[in-house]
């Protein structure tokens, strides 16, 4: 029953975020959410923890929960870090990847390519792909750092209302997989950096259009 209540709270809050009912910066109050979704505050608290892990909710210094927001400067700062860390992680993965791990990545990419242009599941699967990719690096500390940031595109999506162009992302993912299959660390790192920078540029343009800058 507890797990069911958590799923009700999690699914309800997540849907409300993606539907725009809870926009970026919206203050998420536990007691109100519990009443809205007819559960106790404990499942709401657990649901919020999961949403924080997905990058959809942030806990601010006042210890209150808000739907994640993003500023133009924050976008640049985080993508600077992602550009360095993801490319390094992938270079390690190229040296350590197994055939089984390669097939897992290909399977996730197949699912991504089945998503429609406005399919919200693309965001979720994209996160799974990147996490699986960086897990292969074999460095737990590096993975723990990256996983805190790898969902940042979800925050950008909430802010601008659309995600980056699927076909380009899918092709770049395939380029990364090809480099990994060849066990070419330098080429894999370059392909990852190109992918990160492409996503940065697309969200930069979308965010500037949204904010009028």
Protein backbone atom coordinates (compact mmCIF):
# COMPACT_ATOMS: atom_id res chain seq x y z
CA UNK A 1 0.00 0.00 0.00
CA UNK A 2 2.85 2.39 0.88
CA UNK A 3 4.52 1.84 -2.49
CA UNK A 4 1.20 2.45 -4.23
CA UNK A 5 0.79 5.76 -2.38
CA UNK A 6 4.32 6.78 -3.35
CA UNK A 7 3.61 5.99 -7.01
CA UNK A 8 0.35 7.98 -6.89
CA UNK A 9 2.17 10.99 -5.43
CA UNK A 10 5.19 10.63 -7.72
CA UNK A 11 3.18 10.18 -10.92
CA UNK A 12 0.76 12.95 -10.02
CA UNK A 13 3.40 15.53 -9.15
CA UNK A 14 5.57 14.61 -12.14
CA UNK A 15 2.64 14.86 -14.55
CA UNK A 16 1.62 18.21 -13.09
CA UNK A 17 5.18 19.48 -13.59
CA UNK A 18 5.36 18.36 -17.22
CA UNK A 19 1.81 19.57 -17.93
CA UNK A 20 2.80 23.03 -16.71
CA UNK A 21 0.40 23.05 -13.78
CA UNK A 22 3.46 23.38 -11.53
CA UNK A 23 5.76 25.71 -13.54
CA UNK A 24 9.49 26.33 -12.91
CA UNK A 25 9.96 28.05 -9.57
CA UNK A 26 6.63 26.81 -8.21
CA UNK A 27 6.71 26.17 -4.45
CA UNK A 28 5.74 22.55 -3.76
CA UNK A 29 4.10 22.34 -0.33
CA UNK A 30 3.89 18.85 1.15
CA UNK A 31 0.59 19.35 2.90
CA UNK A 32 -1.12 20.72 -0.22
CA UNK A 33 0.26 17.94 -2.41
CA UNK A 34 -0.87 15.31 0.09
CA UNK A 35 -4.37 16.75 -0.01
CA UNK A 36 -4.40 17.04 -3.81
CA UNK A 37 -3.33 13.43 -4.41
CA UNK A 38 -5.16 12.02 -1.38
CA UNK A 39 -2.12 10.47 0.27
CA UNK A 40 -0.24 11.16 3.50
CA UNK A 41 2.80 13.43 3.64
CA UNK A 42 5.25 10.51 3.89
CA UNK A 43 4.62 9.25 0.30
CA UNK A 44 4.80 12.86 -0.91
CA UNK A 45 8.18 13.25 0.78
CA UNK A 46 9.47 10.07 -0.91
CA UNK A 47 8.06 11.16 -4.27
CA UNK A 48 9.82 14.52 -3.91
CA UNK A 49 13.11 12.75 -3.20
CA UNK A 50 12.79 10.84 -6.46
CA UNK A 51 11.95 14.01 -8.36
CA UNK A 52 15.01 15.73 -6.89
CA UNK A 53 17.14 12.85 -8.19
CA UNK A 54 15.60 13.37 -11.65
CA UNK A 55 16.45 17.07 -11.57
CA UNK A 56 12.80 18.12 -11.69
CA UNK A 57 12.64 19.46 -8.13
CA UNK A 58 15.22 21.43 -6.17
CA UNK A 59 15.66 21.97 -2.44
CA UNK A 60 16.71 25.54 -1.75
CA UNK A 61 18.58 26.99 1.22
CA UNK A 62 15.32 27.56 3.09
CA UNK A 63 14.83 23.76 2.87
CA UNK A 64 11.67 24.24 0.84
CA UNK A 65 11.00 22.39 -2.41
CA UNK A 66 10.47 24.10 -5.75
CA UNK A 67 10.05 22.98 -9.34
CA UNK A 68 13.53 23.34 -10.84
CA UNK A 69 14.27 26.55 -12.67
CA UNK A 70 17.25 27.67 -14.72
CA UNK A 71 18.87 31.00 -15.58
CA UNK A 72 21.01 31.69 -18.66
CA UNK A 73 24.15 31.89 -16.49
CA UNK A 74 23.34 28.63 -14.73
CA UNK A 75 22.87 26.96 -18.11
CA UNK A 76 26.36 28.03 -19.19
CA UNK A 77 27.98 27.08 -15.87
CA UNK A 78 26.51 23.57 -15.74
CA UNK A 79 27.18 22.79 -19.40
CA UNK A 80 30.80 23.91 -18.88
CA UNK A 81 31.13 21.22 -16.22
CA UNK A 82 29.20 18.61 -18.22
CA UNK A 83 31.35 19.22 -21.28
CA UNK A 84 34.51 18.39 -19.34
CA UNK A 85 33.25 15.55 -17.19
CA UNK A 86 31.14 13.68 -19.74
CA UNK A 87 33.87 13.62 -22.36
CA UNK A 88 36.42 12.35 -19.83
CA UNK A 89 33.99 9.71 -18.55
CA UNK A 90 33.33 8.43 -22.06
CA UNK A 91 37.05 8.21 -22.77
CA UNK A 92 37.34 5.88 -19.78
CA UNK A 93 34.30 3.91 -20.92
CA UNK A 94 35.90 3.30 -24.32
CA UNK A 95 38.75 1.48 -22.60
CA UNK A 96 36.55 -0.62 -20.33
CA UNK A 97 33.28 -1.31 -22.13
CA UNK A 98 32.19 -4.91 -22.55
CA UNK A 99 30.15 -6.35 -25.38
CA UNK A 100 27.19 -6.73 -23.01
CA UNK A 101 27.36 -3.08 -21.99
CA UNK A 102 27.58 -2.07 -25.63
CA UNK A 103 24.40 -4.00 -26.39
CA UNK A 104 22.65 -2.32 -23.44
CA UNK A 105 23.48 1.11 -24.87
CA UNK A 106 22.29 0.07 -28.31
CA UNK A 107 19.02 -1.16 -26.81
CA UNK A 108 18.42 2.12 -24.99
CA UNK A 109 19.22 4.04 -28.16
CA UNK A 110 16.73 1.92 -30.11
CA UNK A 111 14.06 2.97 -27.59
CA UNK A 112 15.06 6.62 -27.90
CA UNK A 113 14.70 6.49 -31.65
CA UNK A 114 11.16 5.15 -31.30
CA UNK A 115 10.07 8.30 -29.42
CA UNK A 116 8.07 10.96 -31.23
CA UNK A 117 9.33 14.54 -31.46
CA UNK A 118 7.17 15.73 -28.55
CA UNK A 119 7.27 12.49 -26.58
CA UNK A 120 8.14 13.29 -22.94
CA UNK A 121 9.55 9.79 -22.51
CA UNK A 122 12.52 10.92 -24.64
CA UNK A 123 13.71 12.96 -21.64
CA UNK A 124 13.49 9.95 -19.31
CA UNK A 125 15.17 7.54 -21.74
CA UNK A 126 17.87 10.07 -22.56
CA UNK A 127 18.72 10.26 -18.86
CA UNK A 128 18.88 6.45 -18.68
CA UNK A 129 21.19 6.36 -21.71
CA UNK A 130 23.62 8.88 -20.23
CA UNK A 131 23.64 7.20 -16.82
CA UNK A 132 24.30 3.80 -18.38
CA UNK A 133 27.05 5.34 -20.49
CA UNK A 134 28.85 6.93 -17.56
CA UNK A 135 28.46 3.89 -15.32
CA UNK A 136 30.72 2.09 -17.81
CA UNK A 137 33.58 4.47 -16.95
CA UNK A 138 34.24 2.30 -13.91
CA UNK A 139 34.87 5.33 -11.70
CA UNK A 140 32.23 5.48 -8.97
CA UNK A 141 33.34 8.90 -7.77
CA UNK A 142 33.19 10.35 -11.28
CA UNK A 143 29.79 8.73 -11.86
CA UNK A 144 28.43 10.12 -8.58
CA UNK A 145 29.43 13.64 -9.64
CA UNK A 146 28.05 13.38 -13.17
CA UNK A 147 24.76 11.81 -12.11
CA UNK A 148 23.99 14.96 -10.10
CA UNK A 149 24.13 16.99 -13.31
CA UNK A 150 23.13 14.62 -16.10
CA UNK A 151 19.42 15.38 -15.64
CA UNK A 152 19.98 19.11 -16.16
CA UNK A 153 18.44 18.99 -19.67
CA UNK A 154 15.18 18.01 -17.94
CA UNK A 155 15.31 21.31 -16.07
CA UNK A 156 15.95 23.15 -19.34
CA UNK A 157 13.01 21.35 -20.91
CA UNK A 158 10.68 22.47 -18.12
CA UNK A 159 11.84 26.06 -18.55
CA UNK A 160 11.45 26.31 -22.33
CA UNK A 161 8.64 23.78 -22.87
CA UNK A 162 10.38 21.77 -25.61
CA UNK A 163 13.39 19.50 -25.73
CA UNK A 164 16.22 19.57 -28.23
CA UNK A 165 15.84 18.12 -31.72
CA UNK A 166 15.60 14.33 -31.53
CA UNK A 167 17.25 13.36 -34.83
CA UNK A 168 20.45 15.26 -34.07
CA UNK A 169 20.70 13.84 -30.55
CA UNK A 170 20.05 10.32 -31.80
CA UNK A 171 22.72 10.57 -34.50
CA UNK A 172 25.24 11.89 -32.00
CA UNK A 173 24.42 9.06 -29.61
CA UNK A 174 25.07 6.61 -32.44
CA UNK A 175 28.41 8.31 -33.12
CA UNK A 176 29.36 7.86 -29.47
CA UNK A 177 28.34 4.20 -29.55
CA UNK A 178 30.38 3.66 -32.73
CA UNK A 179 33.45 5.18 -31.07
CA UNK A 180 32.95 2.96 -28.03
CA UNK A 181 32.59 -0.10 -30.24
CA UNK A 182 35.94 0.75 -31.81
CA UNK A 183 37.41 1.26 -28.28
CA UNK A 184 38.73 4.63 -29.46
CA UNK A 185 38.95 6.77 -26.30
CA UNK A 186 39.95 10.04 -27.99
CA UNK A 187 37.24 9.78 -30.66
CA UNK A 188 34.62 8.87 -28.06
CA UNK A 189 35.58 11.90 -25.94
CA UNK A 190 35.35 14.18 -28.98
CA UNK A 191 31.96 12.82 -29.99
CA UNK A 192 30.66 13.30 -26.43
CA UNK A 193 31.94 16.88 -26.29
CA UNK A 194 30.27 17.65 -29.63
CA UNK A 195 27.01 16.21 -28.31
CA UNK A 196 27.14 18.21 -25.07
CA UNK A 197 27.92 21.43 -26.92
CA UNK A 198 25.12 20.85 -29.42
CA UNK A 199 22.61 20.40 -26.59
CA UNK A 200 23.98 23.52 -24.89
CA UNK A 201 23.59 25.63 -28.03
CA UNK A 202 20.06 24.41 -28.69
CA UNK A 203 18.88 25.10 -25.13
CA UNK A 204 20.73 28.44 -25.10
CA UNK A 205 18.75 29.54 -28.14
CA UNK A 206 15.47 28.23 -26.72
CA UNK A 207 16.07 29.86 -23.34
CA UNK A 208 17.04 33.20 -24.89
CA UNK A 209 13.87 33.12 -26.98
CA UNK A 210 11.85 32.31 -23.85
CA UNK A 211 13.36 35.08 -21.73
CA UNK A 212 13.60 37.60 -24.57
CA UNK A 213 17.35 38.02 -24.24
